[in-house]
Amino acid sequence: MRPDLALIWPSYTLFPLVGVGILVVGASAPDTTMVLIGLALLAVNALIVVNYAYFTRVAIEGDELVYRTNFGTSVDRVPLGAIQRIDAKRYPGAHSGVSAPHFVARGRDTTVKVNTKPYRLREFAPLLGLLRSTNSRIELDPFWARVAAGEDPSKEIELTPRSRF
């Protein structure tokens, strides 16, 4: 399963505008440093998009659940028979919200943690079904149980908590 590039659209639409802006300013006032900074920002942005498009994936390889990212240099694995629980861990987000749920497959000795923001949640349903068919003892937390049932639980979560004041 690969990330959905439509969900990371700011990475290839909005973020390059900063690099282009710096590049234009550096080129209009002959400033080599600004031009190099603009080119470096555009190159970093291109590398991020290429990493998501070609080198980031979650898959079952052999008898393990594997998450690869960072051009294949970062690999997390957990044996299918060792997976005990799959949780949806959330972290505090910007503007008092919460992050997208992380897909956390906890094994006996290892854990695979995937940020689901660049993925469509419905794409996890077949993966969850396959994981549960290979290991029926896997416990799903309520969030992933609803995803496995084909529901969309993300719409029921209050993204921005109400202020106390």
N, C-alpha and C. Protein backbone atom coordinates (compact mmCIF):
# COMPACT_ATOMS: atom_id res chain seq x y z
N MET A 1 0.85 -1.16 0.00
CA MET A 1 0.00 0.00 0.00
C MET A 1 0.91 1.24 0.00
N ARG A 2 0.66 2.12 -0.92
CA ARG A 2 1.45 3.35 -1.03
C ARG A 2 0.60 4.56 -0.63
N PRO A 3 1.26 5.66 -0.23
CA PRO A 3 0.51 6.87 0.09
C PRO A 3 -0.25 7.40 -1.12
N ASP A 4 -1.36 8.06 -0.86
CA ASP A 4 -2.16 8.68 -1.90
C ASP A 4 -1.60 10.09 -2.14
N LEU A 5 -1.05 10.32 -3.32
CA LEU A 5 -0.40 11.61 -3.59
C LEU A 5 -1.37 12.78 -3.56
N ALA A 6 -2.65 12.52 -3.75
CA ALA A 6 -3.63 13.60 -3.67
C ALA A 6 -3.72 14.16 -2.25
N LEU A 7 -3.38 13.36 -1.27
CA LEU A 7 -3.46 13.82 0.13
C LEU A 7 -2.23 14.63 0.55
N ILE A 8 -1.17 14.56 -0.21
CA ILE A 8 0.01 15.37 0.14
C ILE A 8 0.18 16.53 -0.83
N TRP A 9 -0.94 17.03 -1.37
CA TRP A 9 -0.89 18.09 -2.38
C TRP A 9 -0.15 19.35 -1.93
N PRO A 10 -0.12 19.73 -0.64
CA PRO A 10 0.67 20.93 -0.31
C PRO A 10 2.15 20.74 -0.60
N SER A 11 2.63 19.51 -0.54
CA SER A 11 4.05 19.25 -0.77
C SER A 11 4.48 19.56 -2.19
N TYR A 12 3.57 19.44 -3.13
CA TYR A 12 3.98 19.73 -4.51
C TYR A 12 3.22 20.89 -5.12
N THR A 13 2.41 21.59 -4.33
CA THR A 13 1.74 22.79 -4.86
C THR A 13 2.09 24.04 -4.05
N LEU A 14 1.87 24.02 -2.75
CA LEU A 14 2.09 25.22 -1.95
C LEU A 14 3.54 25.39 -1.49
N PHE A 15 4.16 24.34 -0.98
CA PHE A 15 5.51 24.46 -0.44
C PHE A 15 6.54 24.90 -1.48
N PRO A 16 6.45 24.47 -2.74
CA PRO A 16 7.42 24.95 -3.72
C PRO A 16 7.32 26.45 -3.98
N LEU A 17 6.19 27.05 -3.67
CA LEU A 17 6.05 28.50 -3.88
C LEU A 17 7.06 29.28 -3.07
N VAL A 18 7.40 28.81 -1.89
CA VAL A 18 8.41 29.49 -1.07
C VAL A 18 9.76 29.42 -1.78
N GLY A 19 10.13 28.24 -2.26
CA GLY A 19 11.40 28.10 -2.98
C GLY A 19 11.44 28.94 -4.24
N VAL A 20 10.32 28.96 -4.99
CA VAL A 20 10.25 29.76 -6.21
C VAL A 20 10.35 31.24 -5.86
N GLY A 21 9.69 31.66 -4.80
CA GLY A 21 9.76 33.07 -4.37
C GLY A 21 11.17 33.48 -4.03
N ILE A 22 11.86 32.67 -3.27
CA ILE A 22 13.25 32.98 -2.91
C ILE A 22 14.13 32.96 -4.16
N LEU A 23 13.88 32.03 -5.05
CA LEU A 23 14.65 31.94 -6.29
C LEU A 23 14.44 33.19 -7.15
N VAL A 24 13.21 33.67 -7.25
CA VAL A 24 12.91 34.86 -8.05
C VAL A 24 13.57 36.10 -7.44
N VAL A 25 13.46 36.23 -6.12
CA VAL A 25 14.09 37.39 -5.46
C VAL A 25 15.60 37.34 -5.65
N GLY A 26 16.19 36.14 -5.50
CA GLY A 26 17.64 36.02 -5.67
C GLY A 26 18.09 36.28 -7.10
N ALA A 27 17.26 35.89 -8.07
CA ALA A 27 17.64 36.10 -9.47
C ALA A 27 17.43 37.54 -9.89
N SER A 28 16.42 38.22 -9.34
CA SER A 28 16.16 39.61 -9.73
C SER A 28 17.20 40.56 -9.16
N ALA A 29 17.67 40.28 -7.96
CA ALA A 29 18.77 41.06 -7.39
C ALA A 29 19.95 40.09 -7.34
N PRO A 30 20.80 40.12 -8.33
CA PRO A 30 21.80 39.06 -8.49
C PRO A 30 22.47 38.67 -7.17
N ASP A 31 21.84 37.73 -6.49
CA ASP A 31 22.34 37.25 -5.21
C ASP A 31 22.45 35.72 -5.30
N THR A 32 23.66 35.26 -5.43
CA THR A 32 23.91 33.83 -5.62
C THR A 32 23.42 33.01 -4.42
N THR A 33 23.59 33.55 -3.24
CA THR A 33 23.17 32.83 -2.03
C THR A 33 21.66 32.59 -2.04
N MET A 34 20.89 33.60 -2.38
CA MET A 34 19.43 33.45 -2.43
C MET A 34 19.02 32.45 -3.50
N VAL A 35 19.68 32.50 -4.64
CA VAL A 35 19.38 31.55 -5.71
C VAL A 35 19.66 30.12 -5.24
N LEU A 36 20.79 29.92 -4.57
CA LEU A 36 21.13 28.60 -4.07
C LEU A 36 20.15 28.12 -3.00
N ILE A 37 19.72 29.04 -2.14
CA ILE A 37 18.73 28.67 -1.11
C ILE A 37 17.40 28.28 -1.78
N GLY A 38 16.97 29.04 -2.77
CA GLY A 38 15.73 28.72 -3.48
C GLY A 38 15.82 27.36 -4.18
N LEU A 39 16.95 27.10 -4.84
CA LEU A 39 17.14 25.82 -5.51
C LEU A 39 17.19 24.66 -4.50
N ALA A 40 17.84 24.91 -3.35
CA ALA A 40 17.92 23.87 -2.32
C ALA A 40 16.52 23.55 -1.76
N LEU A 41 15.71 24.58 -1.54
CA LEU A 41 14.35 24.34 -1.05
C LEU A 41 13.52 23.56 -2.07
N LEU A 42 13.65 23.89 -3.33
CA LEU A 42 12.93 23.15 -4.37
C LEU A 42 13.42 21.70 -4.46
N ALA A 43 14.72 21.50 -4.31
CA ALA A 43 15.27 20.13 -4.37
C ALA A 43 14.79 19.30 -3.18
N VAL A 44 14.79 19.88 -1.99
CA VAL A 44 14.31 19.16 -0.80
C VAL A 44 12.84 18.81 -0.97
N ASN A 45 12.07 19.75 -1.47
CA ASN A 45 10.65 19.49 -1.69
C ASN A 45 10.45 18.37 -2.70
N ALA A 46 11.21 18.38 -3.77
CA ALA A 46 11.11 17.32 -4.78
C ALA A 46 11.49 15.97 -4.17
N LEU A 47 12.50 15.94 -3.32
CA LEU A 47 12.90 14.70 -2.68
C LEU A 47 11.80 14.16 -1.76
N ILE A 48 11.10 15.04 -1.06
CA ILE A 48 10.00 14.61 -0.19
C ILE A 48 8.90 13.96 -1.02
N VAL A 49 8.53 14.59 -2.11
CA VAL A 49 7.47 14.04 -2.95
C VAL A 49 7.90 12.72 -3.58
N VAL A 50 9.13 12.64 -4.07
CA VAL A 50 9.63 11.39 -4.67
C VAL A 50 9.68 10.28 -3.62
N ASN A 51 10.08 10.61 -2.39
CA ASN A 51 10.09 9.61 -1.32
C ASN A 51 8.70 9.04 -1.09
N TYR A 52 7.69 9.89 -0.99
CA TYR A 52 6.33 9.40 -0.79
C TYR A 52 5.81 8.63 -2.00
N ALA A 53 6.14 9.11 -3.18
CA ALA A 53 5.59 8.49 -4.39
C ALA A 53 6.21 7.11 -4.69
N TYR A 54 7.49 6.94 -4.44
CA TYR A 54 8.16 5.72 -4.88
C TYR A 54 8.78 4.87 -3.78
N PHE A 55 9.08 5.44 -2.62
CA PHE A 55 9.86 4.70 -1.64
C PHE A 55 9.16 4.47 -0.30
N THR A 56 7.96 4.98 -0.12
CA THR A 56 7.23 4.78 1.13
C THR A 56 6.10 3.81 0.88
N ARG A 57 6.03 2.76 1.72
CA ARG A 57 4.95 1.81 1.57
C ARG A 57 4.80 0.95 2.83
N VAL A 58 3.61 0.42 2.98
CA VAL A 58 3.28 -0.55 4.02
C VAL A 58 2.86 -1.81 3.29
N ALA A 59 3.48 -2.93 3.64
CA ALA A 59 3.17 -4.17 2.92
C ALA A 59 3.46 -5.38 3.79
N ILE A 60 2.89 -6.48 3.37
CA ILE A 60 3.23 -7.76 3.99
C ILE A 60 4.26 -8.40 3.07
N GLU A 61 5.45 -8.61 3.60
CA GLU A 61 6.54 -9.22 2.85
C GLU A 61 6.91 -10.52 3.56
N GLY A 62 6.66 -11.61 2.89
CA GLY A 62 6.93 -12.90 3.52
C GLY A 62 5.99 -13.11 4.69
N ASP A 63 6.54 -13.23 5.86
CA ASP A 63 5.72 -13.41 7.06
C ASP A 63 5.86 -12.22 8.01
N GLU A 64 6.09 -11.01 7.45
CA GLU A 64 6.25 -9.81 8.27
C GLU A 64 5.45 -8.64 7.71
N LEU A 65 4.99 -7.79 8.60
CA LEU A 65 4.42 -6.50 8.21
C LEU A 65 5.58 -5.52 8.17
N VAL A 66 5.76 -4.87 7.01
CA VAL A 66 6.93 -4.02 6.80
C VAL A 66 6.49 -2.63 6.40
N TYR A 67 7.11 -1.61 7.03
CA TYR A 67 6.90 -0.21 6.67
C TYR A 67 8.25 0.35 6.24
N ARG A 68 8.34 0.79 4.99
CA ARG A 68 9.57 1.38 4.46
C ARG A 68 9.33 2.85 4.15
N THR A 69 10.32 3.68 4.45
CA THR A 69 10.26 5.10 4.11
C THR A 69 11.69 5.65 4.03
N ASN A 70 11.81 6.93 3.78
CA ASN A 70 13.10 7.61 3.66
C ASN A 70 14.01 6.92 2.65
N PHE A 71 13.48 6.75 1.44
CA PHE A 71 14.20 6.14 0.32
C PHE A 71 14.64 4.72 0.65
N GLY A 72 13.87 4.04 1.47
CA GLY A 72 14.16 2.65 1.83
C GLY A 72 15.18 2.48 2.92
N THR A 73 15.69 3.59 3.47
CA THR A 73 16.71 3.48 4.52
C THR A 73 16.09 3.21 5.90
N SER A 74 14.84 3.57 6.09
CA SER A 74 14.16 3.32 7.35
C SER A 74 13.15 2.19 7.14
N VAL A 75 13.37 1.09 7.82
CA VAL A 75 12.51 -0.08 7.67
C VAL A 75 12.09 -0.55 9.06
N ASP A 76 10.78 -0.64 9.27
CA ASP A 76 10.23 -1.20 10.50
C ASP A 76 9.53 -2.50 10.13
N ARG A 77 9.76 -3.55 10.93
CA ARG A 77 9.18 -4.86 10.65
C ARG A 77 8.62 -5.45 11.94
N VAL A 78 7.57 -6.20 11.77
CA VAL A 78 7.04 -7.00 12.87
C VAL A 78 6.50 -8.29 12.27
N PRO A 79 6.90 -9.44 12.83
CA PRO A 79 6.38 -10.71 12.31
C PRO A 79 4.87 -10.80 12.49
N LEU A 80 4.19 -11.35 11.50
CA LEU A 80 2.72 -11.44 11.54
C LEU A 80 2.25 -12.25 12.75
N GLY A 81 2.94 -13.31 13.08
CA GLY A 81 2.54 -14.14 14.21
C GLY A 81 2.76 -13.47 15.56
N ALA A 82 3.59 -12.42 15.59
CA ALA A 82 3.89 -11.73 16.84
C ALA A 82 2.98 -10.53 17.09
N ILE A 83 2.21 -10.10 16.09
CA ILE A 83 1.35 -8.93 16.27
C ILE A 83 0.25 -9.28 17.28
N GLN A 84 0.17 -8.47 18.32
CA GLN A 84 -0.81 -8.69 19.37
C GLN A 84 -1.96 -7.69 19.30
N ARG A 85 -1.65 -6.46 18.94
CA ARG A 85 -2.66 -5.40 18.96
C ARG A 85 -2.34 -4.36 17.91
N ILE A 86 -3.40 -3.77 17.35
CA ILE A 86 -3.25 -2.66 16.43
C ILE A 86 -4.01 -1.48 17.03
N ASP A 87 -3.28 -0.39 17.28
CA ASP A 87 -3.84 0.80 17.92
C ASP A 87 -3.83 1.98 16.98
N ALA A 88 -4.66 2.96 17.31
CA ALA A 88 -4.70 4.24 16.59
C ALA A 88 -4.20 5.31 17.54
N LYS A 89 -2.91 5.51 17.58
CA LYS A 89 -2.31 6.49 18.47
C LYS A 89 -2.42 7.87 17.84
N ARG A 90 -2.85 8.84 18.62
CA ARG A 90 -2.95 10.23 18.15
C ARG A 90 -2.03 11.11 18.96
N TYR A 91 -1.52 12.14 18.32
CA TYR A 91 -0.62 13.07 18.97
C TYR A 91 -1.21 14.47 18.86
N PRO A 92 -0.84 15.37 19.78
CA PRO A 92 -1.34 16.74 19.67
C PRO A 92 -0.91 17.34 18.34
N GLY A 93 -1.82 18.05 17.70
CA GLY A 93 -1.53 18.66 16.41
C GLY A 93 -1.49 20.16 16.52
N ALA A 94 -1.32 20.80 15.40
CA ALA A 94 -1.28 22.26 15.35
C ALA A 94 -2.65 22.84 15.63
N HIS A 95 -2.67 24.04 16.12
CA HIS A 95 -3.90 24.78 16.38
C HIS A 95 -4.86 24.03 17.31
N SER A 96 -4.33 23.39 18.33
CA SER A 96 -5.10 22.68 19.35
C SER A 96 -5.89 21.51 18.81
N GLY A 97 -5.51 20.96 17.70
CA GLY A 97 -6.19 19.80 17.14
C GLY A 97 -5.43 18.54 17.49
N VAL A 98 -5.78 17.46 16.83
CA VAL A 98 -5.06 16.21 17.01
C VAL A 98 -4.58 15.73 15.65
N SER A 99 -3.56 14.92 15.67
CA SER A 99 -2.99 14.42 14.42
C SER A 99 -3.87 13.34 13.82
N ALA A 100 -3.53 12.97 12.61
CA ALA A 100 -4.18 11.81 11.99
C ALA A 100 -3.82 10.60 12.83
N PRO A 101 -4.68 9.61 12.88
CA PRO A 101 -4.34 8.43 13.69
C PRO A 101 -3.16 7.69 13.10
N HIS A 102 -2.26 7.29 13.96
CA HIS A 102 -1.14 6.46 13.53
C HIS A 102 -1.59 5.00 13.57
N PHE A 103 -1.13 4.24 12.61
CA PHE A 103 -1.37 2.80 12.57
C PHE A 103 -0.22 2.17 13.34
N VAL A 104 -0.49 1.67 14.53
CA VAL A 104 0.56 1.12 15.38
C VAL A 104 0.30 -0.36 15.57
N ALA A 105 1.12 -1.19 14.94
CA ALA A 105 1.03 -2.65 15.08
C ALA A 105 2.05 -3.07 16.11
N ARG A 106 1.55 -3.51 17.25
CA ARG A 106 2.43 -3.87 18.36
C ARG A 106 2.66 -5.37 18.37
N GLY A 107 3.92 -5.76 18.28
CA GLY A 107 4.29 -7.15 18.36
C GLY A 107 4.87 -7.44 19.73
N ARG A 108 5.41 -8.62 19.90
CA ARG A 108 6.02 -8.98 21.19
C ARG A 108 7.26 -8.15 21.45
N ASP A 109 8.12 -8.04 20.45
CA ASP A 109 9.39 -7.33 20.63
C ASP A 109 9.52 -6.06 19.80
N THR A 110 8.75 -5.95 18.73
CA THR A 110 8.90 -4.83 17.81
C THR A 110 7.55 -4.18 17.55
N THR A 111 7.62 -2.96 17.03
CA THR A 111 6.41 -2.19 16.71
C THR A 111 6.59 -1.53 15.36
N VAL A 112 5.53 -1.51 14.58
CA VAL A 112 5.50 -0.75 13.33
C VAL A 112 4.54 0.40 13.53
N LYS A 113 5.02 1.63 13.34
CA LYS A 113 4.18 2.81 13.51
C LYS A 113 4.17 3.59 12.20
N VAL A 114 2.96 3.80 11.66
CA VAL A 114 2.79 4.47 10.38
C VAL A 114 1.86 5.66 10.57
N ASN A 115 2.30 6.85 10.17
CA ASN A 115 1.42 8.01 10.18
C ASN A 115 0.46 7.87 9.00
N THR A 116 -0.82 7.85 9.27
CA THR A 116 -1.79 7.58 8.21
C THR A 116 -2.22 8.82 7.45
N LYS A 117 -1.64 9.97 7.74
CA LYS A 117 -2.07 11.19 7.05
C LYS A 117 -1.98 11.10 5.53
N PRO A 118 -0.91 10.54 4.94
CA PRO A 118 -0.89 10.47 3.47
C PRO A 118 -1.63 9.26 2.89
N TYR A 119 -2.34 8.51 3.71
CA TYR A 119 -3.08 7.34 3.24
C TYR A 119 -4.58 7.57 3.38
N ARG A 120 -5.35 6.91 2.56
CA ARG A 120 -6.80 6.89 2.72
C ARG A 120 -7.12 5.77 3.70
N LEU A 121 -7.94 6.07 4.71
CA LEU A 121 -8.24 5.07 5.74
C LEU A 121 -8.89 3.82 5.15
N ARG A 122 -9.71 3.99 4.14
CA ARG A 122 -10.39 2.82 3.56
C ARG A 122 -9.40 1.84 2.94
N GLU A 123 -8.19 2.30 2.60
CA GLU A 123 -7.17 1.40 2.05
C GLU A 123 -6.59 0.47 3.11
N PHE A 124 -6.80 0.79 4.39
CA PHE A 124 -6.31 -0.07 5.45
C PHE A 124 -7.23 -1.26 5.69
N ALA A 125 -8.48 -1.19 5.24
CA ALA A 125 -9.43 -2.28 5.49
C ALA A 125 -8.95 -3.61 4.90
N PRO A 126 -8.51 -3.67 3.63
CA PRO A 126 -8.00 -4.95 3.12
C PRO A 126 -6.75 -5.43 3.86
N LEU A 127 -5.88 -4.50 4.24
CA LEU A 127 -4.68 -4.87 4.98
C LEU A 127 -5.06 -5.46 6.33
N LEU A 128 -6.00 -4.82 7.01
CA LEU A 128 -6.46 -5.34 8.31
C LEU A 128 -7.09 -6.71 8.15
N GLY A 129 -7.88 -6.89 7.10
CA GLY A 129 -8.49 -8.19 6.85
C GLY A 129 -7.44 -9.27 6.61
N LEU A 130 -6.41 -8.92 5.85
CA LEU A 130 -5.35 -9.88 5.59
C LEU A 130 -4.56 -10.20 6.86
N LEU A 131 -4.29 -9.18 7.67
CA LEU A 131 -3.59 -9.41 8.93
C LEU A 131 -4.41 -10.30 9.86
N ARG A 132 -5.71 -10.04 9.94
CA ARG A 132 -6.57 -10.84 10.82
C ARG A 132 -6.74 -12.26 10.29
N SER A 133 -6.66 -12.45 8.97
CA SER A 133 -6.79 -13.81 8.43
C SER A 133 -5.52 -14.63 8.70
N THR A 134 -4.36 -13.96 8.78
CA THR A 134 -3.12 -14.69 9.07
C THR A 134 -2.93 -14.90 10.56
N ASN A 135 -3.48 -14.01 11.38
CA ASN A 135 -3.33 -14.11 12.84
C ASN A 135 -4.64 -13.67 13.47
N SER A 136 -5.48 -14.61 13.82
CA SER A 136 -6.82 -14.29 14.35
C SER A 136 -6.78 -13.73 15.76
N ARG A 137 -5.64 -13.77 16.43
CA ARG A 137 -5.55 -13.25 17.79
C ARG A 137 -5.27 -11.75 17.85
N ILE A 138 -5.12 -11.11 16.72
CA ILE A 138 -4.82 -9.67 16.71
C ILE A 138 -6.03 -8.91 17.25
N GLU A 139 -5.77 -8.06 18.24
CA GLU A 139 -6.82 -7.20 18.79
C GLU A 139 -6.78 -5.86 18.05
N LEU A 140 -7.93 -5.35 17.69
CA LEU A 140 -8.02 -4.03 17.06
C LEU A 140 -8.67 -3.08 18.06
N ASP A 141 -8.11 -1.87 18.18
CA ASP A 141 -8.78 -0.90 19.02
C ASP A 141 -10.07 -0.46 18.32
N PRO A 142 -10.96 0.27 19.00
CA PRO A 142 -12.25 0.62 18.39
C PRO A 142 -12.13 1.36 17.05
N PHE A 143 -11.14 2.22 16.92
CA PHE A 143 -10.97 2.98 15.67
C PHE A 143 -10.70 2.04 14.51
N TRP A 144 -9.69 1.17 14.63
CA TRP A 144 -9.32 0.27 13.54
C TRP A 144 -10.36 -0.82 13.33
N ALA A 145 -11.09 -1.18 14.38
CA ALA A 145 -12.18 -2.15 14.20
C ALA A 145 -13.26 -1.56 13.28
N ARG A 146 -13.54 -0.28 13.45
CA ARG A 146 -14.53 0.37 12.58
C ARG A 146 -14.01 0.52 11.16
N VAL A 147 -12.71 0.81 11.01
CA VAL A 147 -12.12 0.88 9.67
C VAL A 147 -12.19 -0.48 8.99
N ALA A 148 -11.88 -1.55 9.74
CA ALA A 148 -11.92 -2.90 9.18
C ALA A 148 -13.34 -3.28 8.77
N ALA A 149 -14.35 -2.71 9.45
CA ALA A 149 -15.75 -2.99 9.11
C ALA A 149 -16.23 -2.14 7.94
N GLY A 150 -15.37 -1.27 7.40
CA GLY A 150 -15.74 -0.46 6.25
C GLY A 150 -16.33 0.89 6.61
N GLU A 151 -16.32 1.25 7.88
CA GLU A 151 -16.85 2.54 8.31
C GLU A 151 -15.76 3.60 8.22
N ASP A 152 -16.16 4.87 8.32
CA ASP A 152 -15.22 5.98 8.33
C ASP A 152 -15.32 6.69 9.67
N PRO A 153 -14.57 6.24 10.68
CA PRO A 153 -14.68 6.83 12.01
C PRO A 153 -14.04 8.21 12.12
N SER A 154 -13.27 8.65 11.13
CA SER A 154 -12.59 9.94 11.23
C SER A 154 -13.57 11.11 11.22
N LYS A 155 -14.75 10.94 10.67
CA LYS A 155 -15.71 12.03 10.60
C LYS A 155 -16.37 12.31 11.95
N GLU A 156 -16.27 11.38 12.88
CA GLU A 156 -16.92 11.55 14.17
C GLU A 156 -16.00 12.12 15.22
N ILE A 157 -14.75 12.35 14.88
CA ILE A 157 -13.79 12.86 15.85
C ILE A 157 -13.78 14.37 15.79
N GLU A 158 -13.87 14.98 16.95
CA GLU A 158 -13.82 16.44 17.02
C GLU A 158 -12.36 16.84 16.86
N LEU A 159 -12.03 17.47 15.75
CA LEU A 159 -10.66 17.79 15.46
C LEU A 159 -10.10 18.91 16.33
N THR A 160 -10.91 19.86 16.68
CA THR A 160 -10.44 20.97 17.48
C THR A 160 -11.21 21.00 18.79
N PRO A 161 -10.55 20.68 19.90
CA PRO A 161 -11.25 20.72 21.18
C PRO A 161 -11.72 22.11 21.51
N ARG A 162 -12.82 22.19 22.21
CA ARG A 162 -13.35 23.51 22.60
C ARG A 162 -12.50 24.12 23.70
N SER A 163 -12.40 25.41 23.66
CA SER A 163 -11.60 26.13 24.65
C SER A 163 -12.30 26.15 25.99
N ARG A 164 -11.51 26.22 27.05
CA ARG A 164 -12.09 26.32 28.40
C ARG A 164 -12.62 27.72 28.68
N PHE A 165 -12.17 28.70 27.91
CA PHE A 165 -12.49 30.09 28.20
C PHE A 165 -13.61 30.62 27.35
